[in-house]
Amino acid sequence: MRVIAGSAKRLQLKTLDGLDTRPTTDRIKETLFNMISPYLYDCRFLDLFAGSGGIGIEALSRGAGEAVFVEQNPKAMACIKENLKKTKLEERAVTMATDVMTALRRMEGSGTFDYIFMDPPYNKLLEKQVLEYLAESKLIDEDSVIIVEASKSTDFSYVESFGFSVLKKKEYKTNLHLFLALEGSERVC
């Protein structure tokens, strides 16, 4: 896994051995960032279920002003910190070694995020729990975009009932990215 573009372009990132994390492939990451890179400069980016930190690091490399990495696995968090140091992006990064719901509650009152990316373990409904929380949270506003990486079989039929609208859905071979914003938002990805 590598950084695709920006200040840390071509640097290889460390990943965890085994199946504890599923790093987003370079091809899928490149597709994702081709869609959002025009809006990244100086944005506030939240990487939930961050794994080795590849998504948040890519955002920082491409000009995000700040990225917050939330990961409860201590080995994965050590990997994130090592990758941030290697890419020289640690000054604009905040790491939170805790579960996602605790992190979200702790961040309340700290301002809104422009982008929230989450790649939770598949088929455990964790994305639904996070979206339900965010629907009532001050961490997002009408300019925020939430991006969920999930398996193709994930049911998102509930998102409208939480007050979200689907901006875009991008399907890949086995998974997808769903782009969400608060209902009524005129935000593009």
N, C-alpha and C. Protein backbone atom coordinates (compact mmCIF):
# COMPACT_ATOMS: atom_id res chain seq x y z
N MET A 1 0.85 -1.17 0.00
CA MET A 1 0.00 0.00 0.00
C MET A 1 0.89 1.24 0.00
N ARG A 2 0.51 2.23 -0.80
CA ARG A 2 1.33 3.42 -0.94
C ARG A 2 0.46 4.67 -0.94
N VAL A 3 1.10 5.81 -0.75
CA VAL A 3 0.42 7.09 -0.92
C VAL A 3 0.44 7.39 -2.41
N ILE A 4 -0.72 7.74 -2.97
CA ILE A 4 -0.84 7.87 -4.41
C ILE A 4 -0.44 9.25 -4.92
N ALA A 5 -0.82 10.31 -4.20
CA ALA A 5 -0.55 11.65 -4.69
C ALA A 5 -0.27 12.61 -3.55
N GLY A 6 0.25 13.78 -3.91
CA GLY A 6 0.47 14.83 -2.92
C GLY A 6 1.88 14.83 -2.35
N SER A 7 2.02 15.44 -1.19
CA SER A 7 3.34 15.65 -0.58
C SER A 7 4.06 14.36 -0.22
N ALA A 8 3.33 13.28 0.02
CA ALA A 8 3.94 12.00 0.39
C ALA A 8 3.84 10.97 -0.73
N LYS A 9 3.64 11.45 -1.94
CA LYS A 9 3.45 10.58 -3.11
C LYS A 9 4.51 9.50 -3.20
N ARG A 10 4.07 8.29 -3.47
CA ARG A 10 4.89 7.09 -3.71
C ARG A 10 5.49 6.46 -2.46
N LEU A 11 5.31 7.06 -1.30
CA LEU A 11 5.85 6.44 -0.10
C LEU A 11 5.04 5.20 0.25
N GLN A 12 5.74 4.12 0.55
CA GLN A 12 5.08 2.88 0.95
C GLN A 12 4.61 3.00 2.40
N LEU A 13 3.41 2.53 2.68
CA LEU A 13 2.87 2.54 4.03
C LEU A 13 2.90 1.14 4.61
N LYS A 14 3.14 1.08 5.89
CA LYS A 14 3.12 -0.20 6.60
C LYS A 14 1.67 -0.62 6.81
N THR A 15 1.41 -1.91 6.70
CA THR A 15 0.09 -2.47 7.02
C THR A 15 0.26 -3.60 8.01
N LEU A 16 -0.82 -3.95 8.66
CA LEU A 16 -0.78 -5.06 9.61
C LEU A 16 -0.79 -6.38 8.89
N ASP A 17 -0.06 -7.33 9.40
CA ASP A 17 -0.12 -8.70 8.88
C ASP A 17 -1.42 -9.32 9.34
N GLY A 18 -1.91 -10.27 8.59
CA GLY A 18 -3.10 -11.01 8.97
C GLY A 18 -4.37 -10.35 8.47
N LEU A 19 -5.49 -10.78 9.01
CA LEU A 19 -6.79 -10.35 8.53
C LEU A 19 -7.48 -9.37 9.46
N ASP A 20 -6.75 -8.78 10.41
CA ASP A 20 -7.35 -7.83 11.34
C ASP A 20 -7.84 -6.57 10.63
N THR A 21 -7.17 -6.18 9.56
CA THR A 21 -7.59 -5.02 8.79
C THR A 21 -7.66 -5.39 7.33
N ARG A 22 -8.43 -4.62 6.56
CA ARG A 22 -8.54 -4.79 5.12
C ARG A 22 -8.14 -3.48 4.46
N PRO A 23 -6.85 -3.25 4.21
CA PRO A 23 -6.48 -1.97 3.60
C PRO A 23 -7.19 -1.78 2.26
N THR A 24 -7.68 -0.57 2.05
CA THR A 24 -8.30 -0.24 0.77
C THR A 24 -7.23 -0.34 -0.31
N THR A 25 -7.54 -1.03 -1.39
CA THR A 25 -6.55 -1.21 -2.45
C THR A 25 -6.18 0.13 -3.07
N ASP A 26 -5.00 0.19 -3.64
CA ASP A 26 -4.54 1.43 -4.27
C ASP A 26 -5.50 1.88 -5.37
N ARG A 27 -6.01 0.95 -6.13
CA ARG A 27 -6.92 1.30 -7.24
C ARG A 27 -8.21 1.92 -6.72
N ILE A 28 -8.78 1.32 -5.68
CA ILE A 28 -10.03 1.87 -5.11
C ILE A 28 -9.75 3.20 -4.43
N LYS A 29 -8.63 3.30 -3.72
CA LYS A 29 -8.26 4.55 -3.06
C LYS A 29 -8.08 5.67 -4.09
N GLU A 30 -7.44 5.34 -5.20
CA GLU A 30 -7.23 6.34 -6.26
C GLU A 30 -8.57 6.80 -6.83
N THR A 31 -9.48 5.88 -7.06
CA THR A 31 -10.81 6.24 -7.56
C THR A 31 -11.53 7.15 -6.58
N LEU A 32 -11.49 6.79 -5.30
CA LEU A 32 -12.14 7.60 -4.26
C LEU A 32 -11.57 9.02 -4.26
N PHE A 33 -10.26 9.13 -4.23
CA PHE A 33 -9.65 10.45 -4.11
C PHE A 33 -9.75 11.26 -5.40
N ASN A 34 -9.89 10.61 -6.54
CA ASN A 34 -10.16 11.36 -7.77
C ASN A 34 -11.51 12.07 -7.68
N MET A 35 -12.44 11.49 -6.94
CA MET A 35 -13.77 12.09 -6.78
C MET A 35 -13.77 13.25 -5.79
N ILE A 36 -12.97 13.16 -4.74
CA ILE A 36 -13.05 14.17 -3.68
C ILE A 36 -11.87 15.14 -3.63
N SER A 37 -10.80 14.88 -4.35
CA SER A 37 -9.60 15.71 -4.21
C SER A 37 -9.82 17.20 -4.50
N PRO A 38 -10.73 17.60 -5.39
CA PRO A 38 -10.92 19.05 -5.58
C PRO A 38 -11.42 19.78 -4.33
N TYR A 39 -11.95 19.04 -3.37
CA TYR A 39 -12.54 19.66 -2.17
C TYR A 39 -11.73 19.43 -0.91
N LEU A 40 -10.56 18.82 -1.03
CA LEU A 40 -9.78 18.43 0.15
C LEU A 40 -8.94 19.53 0.77
N TYR A 41 -8.54 20.52 -0.01
CA TYR A 41 -7.58 21.49 0.49
C TYR A 41 -8.06 22.14 1.79
N ASP A 42 -7.27 22.04 2.82
CA ASP A 42 -7.50 22.65 4.13
C ASP A 42 -8.75 22.12 4.83
N CYS A 43 -9.28 20.99 4.39
CA CYS A 43 -10.49 20.45 5.02
C CYS A 43 -10.14 19.72 6.32
N ARG A 44 -11.16 19.42 7.07
CA ARG A 44 -11.04 18.62 8.30
C ARG A 44 -11.58 17.23 7.98
N PHE A 45 -10.75 16.21 8.14
CA PHE A 45 -11.03 14.84 7.69
C PHE A 45 -11.02 13.90 8.89
N LEU A 46 -12.03 13.05 8.98
CA LEU A 46 -12.13 12.06 10.06
C LEU A 46 -12.08 10.66 9.45
N ASP A 47 -11.12 9.86 9.89
CA ASP A 47 -10.93 8.49 9.41
C ASP A 47 -11.31 7.53 10.54
N LEU A 48 -12.52 6.96 10.45
CA LEU A 48 -13.02 6.04 11.47
C LEU A 48 -12.69 4.60 11.08
N PHE A 49 -12.42 3.76 12.08
CA PHE A 49 -11.98 2.38 11.82
C PHE A 49 -10.75 2.47 10.91
N ALA A 50 -9.78 3.26 11.30
CA ALA A 50 -8.70 3.73 10.42
C ALA A 50 -7.72 2.65 9.96
N GLY A 51 -7.66 1.52 10.64
CA GLY A 51 -6.74 0.46 10.21
C GLY A 51 -5.30 0.94 10.24
N SER A 52 -4.63 0.94 9.09
CA SER A 52 -3.25 1.41 9.03
C SER A 52 -3.16 2.90 8.70
N GLY A 53 -4.31 3.56 8.52
CA GLY A 53 -4.35 5.00 8.30
C GLY A 53 -4.21 5.46 6.87
N GLY A 54 -4.25 4.55 5.93
CA GLY A 54 -4.00 4.89 4.53
C GLY A 54 -4.93 5.95 3.95
N ILE A 55 -6.20 5.93 4.33
CA ILE A 55 -7.15 6.90 3.77
C ILE A 55 -6.88 8.30 4.33
N GLY A 56 -6.78 8.42 5.64
CA GLY A 56 -6.51 9.72 6.25
C GLY A 56 -5.17 10.29 5.83
N ILE A 57 -4.17 9.43 5.69
CA ILE A 57 -2.84 9.88 5.24
C ILE A 57 -2.91 10.37 3.80
N GLU A 58 -3.66 9.70 2.96
CA GLU A 58 -3.85 10.17 1.58
C GLU A 58 -4.50 11.55 1.58
N ALA A 59 -5.50 11.75 2.46
CA ALA A 59 -6.16 13.06 2.55
C ALA A 59 -5.17 14.14 2.97
N LEU A 60 -4.35 13.85 3.97
CA LEU A 60 -3.34 14.82 4.42
C LEU A 60 -2.33 15.11 3.31
N SER A 61 -1.87 14.06 2.63
CA SER A 61 -0.90 14.21 1.56
C SER A 61 -1.45 15.11 0.45
N ARG A 62 -2.76 15.06 0.24
CA ARG A 62 -3.39 15.85 -0.83
C ARG A 62 -3.87 17.22 -0.34
N GLY A 63 -3.54 17.59 0.90
CA GLY A 63 -3.80 18.96 1.32
C GLY A 63 -4.82 19.17 2.41
N ALA A 64 -5.39 18.11 2.97
CA ALA A 64 -6.31 18.30 4.09
C ALA A 64 -5.58 19.03 5.22
N GLY A 65 -6.28 19.92 5.89
CA GLY A 65 -5.67 20.69 6.96
C GLY A 65 -5.44 19.88 8.21
N GLU A 66 -6.35 18.95 8.48
CA GLU A 66 -6.25 18.09 9.68
C GLU A 66 -6.94 16.77 9.39
N ALA A 67 -6.40 15.71 9.94
CA ALA A 67 -7.07 14.41 9.88
C ALA A 67 -7.03 13.79 11.27
N VAL A 68 -8.16 13.26 11.68
CA VAL A 68 -8.28 12.55 12.95
C VAL A 68 -8.43 11.07 12.62
N PHE A 69 -7.60 10.25 13.25
CA PHE A 69 -7.59 8.81 13.02
C PHE A 69 -8.14 8.13 14.26
N VAL A 70 -9.20 7.33 14.10
CA VAL A 70 -9.79 6.60 15.22
C VAL A 70 -9.61 5.11 14.96
N GLU A 71 -8.92 4.45 15.87
CA GLU A 71 -8.66 3.00 15.74
C GLU A 71 -8.45 2.43 17.13
N GLN A 72 -9.19 1.37 17.47
CA GLN A 72 -9.06 0.80 18.81
C GLN A 72 -8.02 -0.31 18.91
N ASN A 73 -7.61 -0.91 17.81
CA ASN A 73 -6.60 -1.97 17.83
C ASN A 73 -5.23 -1.33 18.09
N PRO A 74 -4.58 -1.66 19.21
CA PRO A 74 -3.29 -1.04 19.53
C PRO A 74 -2.21 -1.26 18.47
N LYS A 75 -2.18 -2.44 17.86
CA LYS A 75 -1.18 -2.70 16.81
C LYS A 75 -1.45 -1.84 15.59
N ALA A 76 -2.72 -1.68 15.24
CA ALA A 76 -3.07 -0.83 14.10
C ALA A 76 -2.74 0.63 14.41
N MET A 77 -3.00 1.08 15.63
CA MET A 77 -2.69 2.46 15.99
C MET A 77 -1.18 2.71 15.93
N ALA A 78 -0.39 1.74 16.36
CA ALA A 78 1.07 1.87 16.25
C ALA A 78 1.48 1.99 14.78
N CYS A 79 0.81 1.26 13.93
CA CYS A 79 1.06 1.30 12.49
C CYS A 79 0.72 2.69 11.93
N ILE A 80 -0.42 3.26 12.35
CA ILE A 80 -0.82 4.60 11.91
C ILE A 80 0.25 5.61 12.30
N LYS A 81 0.68 5.56 13.56
CA LYS A 81 1.68 6.52 14.03
C LYS A 81 2.99 6.39 13.27
N GLU A 82 3.40 5.16 12.99
CA GLU A 82 4.62 4.93 12.21
C GLU A 82 4.48 5.49 10.80
N ASN A 83 3.30 5.27 10.18
CA ASN A 83 3.06 5.78 8.83
C ASN A 83 3.02 7.31 8.80
N LEU A 84 2.44 7.92 9.82
CA LEU A 84 2.41 9.38 9.90
C LEU A 84 3.82 9.95 10.02
N LYS A 85 4.64 9.29 10.82
CA LYS A 85 6.02 9.75 10.99
C LYS A 85 6.79 9.61 9.68
N LYS A 86 6.64 8.47 9.02
CA LYS A 86 7.35 8.21 7.77
C LYS A 86 6.97 9.24 6.69
N THR A 87 5.70 9.62 6.66
CA THR A 87 5.22 10.56 5.64
C THR A 87 5.39 12.02 6.06
N LYS A 88 5.87 12.23 7.30
CA LYS A 88 6.06 13.58 7.85
C LYS A 88 4.76 14.38 7.89
N LEU A 89 3.68 13.69 8.22
CA LEU A 89 2.36 14.33 8.28
C LEU A 89 1.79 14.38 9.69
N GLU A 90 2.58 13.98 10.69
CA GLU A 90 2.06 13.86 12.05
C GLU A 90 1.64 15.19 12.66
N GLU A 91 2.18 16.32 12.20
CA GLU A 91 1.81 17.62 12.77
C GLU A 91 0.36 17.98 12.51
N ARG A 92 -0.22 17.46 11.43
CA ARG A 92 -1.62 17.78 11.09
C ARG A 92 -2.55 16.62 11.42
N ALA A 93 -2.06 15.67 12.21
CA ALA A 93 -2.84 14.47 12.54
C ALA A 93 -3.13 14.40 14.03
N VAL A 94 -4.30 13.86 14.35
CA VAL A 94 -4.69 13.55 15.72
C VAL A 94 -5.04 12.07 15.73
N THR A 95 -4.52 11.32 16.69
CA THR A 95 -4.84 9.90 16.79
C THR A 95 -5.64 9.65 18.06
N MET A 96 -6.63 8.80 17.94
CA MET A 96 -7.47 8.43 19.07
C MET A 96 -7.54 6.90 19.15
N ALA A 97 -6.89 6.34 20.15
CA ALA A 97 -6.84 4.89 20.32
C ALA A 97 -8.01 4.46 21.20
N THR A 98 -9.17 4.39 20.59
CA THR A 98 -10.39 4.02 21.31
C THR A 98 -11.42 3.52 20.31
N ASP A 99 -12.54 3.03 20.81
CA ASP A 99 -13.59 2.59 19.89
C ASP A 99 -14.27 3.82 19.27
N VAL A 100 -14.89 3.64 18.15
CA VAL A 100 -15.44 4.73 17.36
C VAL A 100 -16.51 5.51 18.12
N MET A 101 -17.43 4.83 18.77
CA MET A 101 -18.52 5.55 19.45
C MET A 101 -17.99 6.41 20.60
N THR A 102 -17.02 5.91 21.35
CA THR A 102 -16.40 6.72 22.41
C THR A 102 -15.71 7.93 21.81
N ALA A 103 -14.99 7.74 20.73
CA ALA A 103 -14.29 8.84 20.07
C ALA A 103 -15.27 9.91 19.60
N LEU A 104 -16.37 9.49 18.98
CA LEU A 104 -17.36 10.46 18.49
C LEU A 104 -17.90 11.30 19.65
N ARG A 105 -18.24 10.65 20.75
CA ARG A 105 -18.76 11.39 21.91
C ARG A 105 -17.71 12.36 22.46
N ARG A 106 -16.45 11.94 22.50
CA ARG A 106 -15.38 12.81 23.01
C ARG A 106 -15.16 14.02 22.11
N MET A 107 -15.39 13.88 20.82
CA MET A 107 -15.14 14.98 19.89
C MET A 107 -16.28 15.99 19.81
N GLU A 108 -17.43 15.67 20.35
CA GLU A 108 -18.56 16.61 20.32
C GLU A 108 -18.11 17.97 20.86
N GLY A 109 -18.47 19.02 20.16
CA GLY A 109 -18.09 20.36 20.57
C GLY A 109 -16.76 20.83 20.01
N SER A 110 -16.07 19.95 19.25
CA SER A 110 -14.76 20.31 18.70
C SER A 110 -14.87 20.86 17.28
N GLY A 111 -16.07 21.06 16.79
CA GLY A 111 -16.28 21.55 15.44
C GLY A 111 -16.73 20.46 14.50
N THR A 112 -17.00 20.85 13.27
CA THR A 112 -17.51 19.90 12.28
C THR A 112 -16.39 19.38 11.38
N PHE A 113 -16.67 18.26 10.76
CA PHE A 113 -15.75 17.67 9.79
C PHE A 113 -16.31 17.89 8.39
N ASP A 114 -15.41 18.15 7.45
CA ASP A 114 -15.82 18.27 6.06
C ASP A 114 -16.08 16.89 5.45
N TYR A 115 -15.20 15.94 5.82
CA TYR A 115 -15.34 14.56 5.35
C TYR A 115 -15.20 13.60 6.52
N ILE A 116 -16.09 12.62 6.56
CA ILE A 116 -15.96 11.52 7.50
C ILE A 116 -15.94 10.24 6.67
N PHE A 117 -14.85 9.52 6.79
CA PHE A 117 -14.70 8.25 6.07
C PHE A 117 -14.74 7.12 7.09
N MET A 118 -15.51 6.08 6.78
CA MET A 118 -15.49 4.91 7.67
C MET A 118 -15.46 3.63 6.85
N ASP A 119 -14.65 2.71 7.34
CA ASP A 119 -14.51 1.39 6.73
C ASP A 119 -14.58 0.35 7.85
N PRO A 120 -15.80 0.18 8.42
CA PRO A 120 -15.94 -0.73 9.55
C PRO A 120 -15.86 -2.19 9.11
N PRO A 121 -15.63 -3.09 10.07
CA PRO A 121 -15.73 -4.52 9.73
C PRO A 121 -17.07 -4.79 9.04
N TYR A 122 -17.03 -5.57 7.98
CA TYR A 122 -18.23 -5.81 7.18
C TYR A 122 -19.25 -6.66 7.93
N ASN A 123 -20.51 -6.41 7.59
CA ASN A 123 -21.67 -7.22 8.02
C ASN A 123 -21.86 -7.27 9.54
N LYS A 124 -21.48 -6.21 10.25
CA LYS A 124 -21.71 -6.14 11.69
C LYS A 124 -22.61 -4.97 12.06
N LEU A 125 -23.11 -4.25 11.05
CA LEU A 125 -24.01 -3.10 11.22
C LEU A 125 -23.39 -1.94 11.98
N LEU A 126 -22.06 -1.89 12.06
CA LEU A 126 -21.40 -0.79 12.75
C LEU A 126 -21.63 0.54 12.03
N GLU A 127 -21.68 0.51 10.70
CA GLU A 127 -21.92 1.75 9.96
C GLU A 127 -23.30 2.32 10.30
N LYS A 128 -24.28 1.47 10.53
CA LYS A 128 -25.62 1.94 10.89
C LYS A 128 -25.60 2.63 12.25
N GLN A 129 -24.89 2.06 13.19
CA GLN A 129 -24.76 2.65 14.52
C GLN A 129 -24.10 4.03 14.44
N VAL A 130 -23.04 4.14 13.65
CA VAL A 130 -22.33 5.41 13.51
C VAL A 130 -23.22 6.44 12.81
N LEU A 131 -23.90 6.04 11.74
CA LEU A 131 -24.78 6.97 11.01
C LEU A 131 -25.93 7.45 11.88
N GLU A 132 -26.47 6.57 12.69
CA GLU A 132 -27.55 6.98 13.60
C GLU A 132 -27.05 8.04 14.57
N TYR A 133 -25.84 7.86 15.08
CA TYR A 133 -25.25 8.85 15.99
C TYR A 133 -24.99 10.17 15.25
N LEU A 134 -24.37 10.10 14.09
CA LEU A 134 -24.00 11.31 13.35
C LEU A 134 -25.23 12.12 12.94
N ALA A 135 -26.34 11.47 12.72
CA ALA A 135 -27.57 12.17 12.31
C ALA A 135 -27.97 13.25 13.31
N GLU A 136 -27.64 13.06 14.58
CA GLU A 136 -28.00 14.01 15.64
C GLU A 136 -26.77 14.75 16.19
N SER A 137 -25.64 14.58 15.57
CA SER A 137 -24.37 15.07 16.09
C SER A 137 -24.04 16.47 15.58
N LYS A 138 -23.26 17.20 16.35
CA LYS A 138 -22.74 18.51 15.93
C LYS A 138 -21.40 18.35 15.19
N LEU A 139 -20.98 17.10 14.94
CA LEU A 139 -19.74 16.85 14.20
C LEU A 139 -19.92 17.02 12.70
N ILE A 140 -21.17 17.09 12.25
CA ILE A 140 -21.46 17.29 10.83
C ILE A 140 -22.44 18.46 10.68
N ASP A 141 -22.42 19.04 9.49
CA ASP A 141 -23.40 20.05 9.13
C ASP A 141 -23.78 19.85 7.66
N GLU A 142 -24.45 20.82 7.08
CA GLU A 142 -24.93 20.67 5.70
C GLU A 142 -23.80 20.61 4.68
N ASP A 143 -22.58 20.97 5.08
CA ASP A 143 -21.45 20.89 4.17
C ASP A 143 -20.62 19.62 4.32
N SER A 144 -20.97 18.77 5.26
CA SER A 144 -20.21 17.54 5.53
C SER A 144 -20.61 16.42 4.58
N VAL A 145 -19.62 15.62 4.19
CA VAL A 145 -19.86 14.42 3.39
C VAL A 145 -19.36 13.22 4.18
N ILE A 146 -20.21 12.20 4.28
CA ILE A 146 -19.85 10.95 4.95
C ILE A 146 -19.66 9.90 3.86
N ILE A 147 -18.53 9.21 3.91
CA ILE A 147 -18.23 8.17 2.93
C ILE A 147 -18.12 6.85 3.69
N VAL A 148 -18.93 5.88 3.28
CA VAL A 148 -18.91 4.57 3.91
C VAL A 148 -18.38 3.56 2.91
N GLU A 149 -17.35 2.82 3.32
CA GLU A 149 -16.88 1.69 2.53
C GLU A 149 -17.50 0.45 3.13
N ALA A 150 -18.15 -0.35 2.30
CA ALA A 150 -18.88 -1.52 2.80
C ALA A 150 -18.92 -2.59 1.72
N SER A 151 -19.33 -3.78 2.13
CA SER A 151 -19.52 -4.85 1.15
C SER A 151 -20.72 -4.50 0.28
N LYS A 152 -20.75 -5.05 -0.92
CA LYS A 152 -21.85 -4.77 -1.85
C LYS A 152 -23.20 -5.21 -1.30
N SER A 153 -23.18 -6.18 -0.39
CA SER A 153 -24.45 -6.71 0.13
C SER A 153 -25.01 -5.89 1.31
N THR A 154 -24.31 -4.83 1.72
CA THR A 154 -24.76 -4.04 2.86
C THR A 154 -26.04 -3.29 2.52
N ASP A 155 -27.02 -3.38 3.42
CA ASP A 155 -28.31 -2.71 3.25
C ASP A 155 -28.22 -1.28 3.80
N PHE A 156 -28.47 -0.30 2.94
CA PHE A 156 -28.48 1.09 3.36
C PHE A 156 -29.86 1.71 3.17
N SER A 157 -30.90 0.89 3.14
CA SER A 157 -32.25 1.40 2.89
C SER A 157 -32.75 2.34 3.99
N TYR A 158 -32.09 2.36 5.13
CA TYR A 158 -32.50 3.16 6.28
C TYR A 158 -31.95 4.58 6.27
N VAL A 159 -31.00 4.91 5.39
CA VAL A 159 -30.29 6.19 5.54
C VAL A 159 -31.23 7.39 5.45
N GLU A 160 -32.25 7.34 4.61
CA GLU A 160 -33.17 8.46 4.50
C GLU A 160 -33.93 8.66 5.81
N SER A 161 -34.25 7.57 6.51
CA SER A 161 -34.97 7.70 7.78
C SER A 161 -34.10 8.35 8.86
N PHE A 162 -32.78 8.36 8.68
CA PHE A 162 -31.86 9.03 9.60
C PHE A 162 -31.64 10.49 9.21
N GLY A 163 -32.20 10.90 8.07
CA GLY A 163 -32.05 12.29 7.62
C GLY A 163 -30.91 12.51 6.64
N PHE A 164 -30.44 11.44 5.99
CA PHE A 164 -29.37 11.56 5.01
C PHE A 164 -29.91 11.36 3.61
N SER A 165 -29.23 11.97 2.65
CA SER A 165 -29.51 11.66 1.25
C SER A 165 -28.24 11.09 0.63
N VAL A 166 -28.42 10.25 -0.36
CA VAL A 166 -27.29 9.62 -1.05
C VAL A 166 -26.82 10.55 -2.16
N LEU A 167 -25.59 11.01 -2.06
CA LEU A 167 -25.00 11.87 -3.09
C LEU A 167 -24.51 11.05 -4.27
N LYS A 168 -23.91 9.90 -3.95
CA LYS A 168 -23.30 9.06 -4.98
C LYS A 168 -23.08 7.68 -4.40
N LYS A 169 -23.11 6.69 -5.27
CA LYS A 169 -22.77 5.31 -4.89
C LYS A 169 -21.84 4.77 -5.96
N LYS A 170 -20.66 4.36 -5.54
CA LYS A 170 -19.67 3.83 -6.47
C LYS A 170 -19.41 2.38 -6.11
N GLU A 171 -19.74 1.46 -7.04
CA GLU A 171 -19.56 0.03 -6.79
C GLU A 171 -18.28 -0.46 -7.45
N TYR A 172 -17.63 -1.39 -6.74
CA TYR A 172 -16.43 -2.05 -7.22
C TYR A 172 -16.76 -3.54 -7.32
N LYS A 173 -15.75 -4.35 -7.49
CA LYS A 173 -15.96 -5.79 -7.66
C LYS A 173 -16.67 -6.42 -6.46
N THR A 174 -16.19 -6.16 -5.25
CA THR A 174 -16.79 -6.81 -4.07
C THR A 174 -17.31 -5.82 -3.03
N ASN A 175 -16.99 -4.54 -3.19
CA ASN A 175 -17.42 -3.57 -2.18
C ASN A 175 -17.92 -2.29 -2.86
N LEU A 176 -18.20 -1.28 -2.04
CA LEU A 176 -18.74 -0.03 -2.57
C LEU A 176 -18.35 1.13 -1.67
N HIS A 177 -18.48 2.33 -2.22
CA HIS A 177 -18.40 3.57 -1.46
C HIS A 177 -19.75 4.25 -1.58
N LEU A 178 -20.33 4.60 -0.45
CA LEU A 178 -21.59 5.33 -0.42
C LEU A 178 -21.29 6.72 0.13
N PHE A 179 -21.68 7.75 -0.61
CA PHE A 179 -21.44 9.14 -0.23
C PHE A 179 -22.76 9.71 0.28
N LEU A 180 -22.76 10.21 1.50
CA LEU A 180 -23.98 10.70 2.14
C LEU A 180 -23.81 12.14 2.61
N ALA A 181 -24.92 12.87 2.66
CA ALA A 181 -24.95 14.21 3.25
C ALA A 181 -26.30 14.37 3.93
N LEU A 182 -26.39 15.34 4.80
CA LEU A 182 -27.67 15.61 5.45
C LEU A 182 -28.71 15.96 4.39
N GLU A 183 -29.93 15.51 4.59
CA GLU A 183 -31.03 15.78 3.68
C GLU A 183 -31.14 17.28 3.44
N GLY A 184 -31.26 17.66 2.18
CA GLY A 184 -31.37 19.07 1.84
C GLY A 184 -30.04 19.75 1.55
N SER A 185 -28.95 19.06 1.81
CA SER A 185 -27.63 19.61 1.53
C SER A 185 -27.45 19.75 0.03
N GLU A 186 -26.77 20.80 -0.38
CA GLU A 186 -26.47 20.98 -1.79
C GLU A 186 -25.01 20.65 -2.08
N ARG A 187 -24.39 19.97 -1.16
CA ARG A 187 -22.98 19.60 -1.26
C ARG A 187 -22.78 18.59 -2.37
N VAL A 188 -21.71 18.76 -3.11
CA VAL A 188 -21.28 17.73 -4.05
C VAL A 188 -20.10 17.04 -3.39
N CYS A 189 -19.72 15.90 -3.93
CA CYS A 189 -18.68 15.11 -3.28
C CYS A 189 -17.39 15.87 -3.22
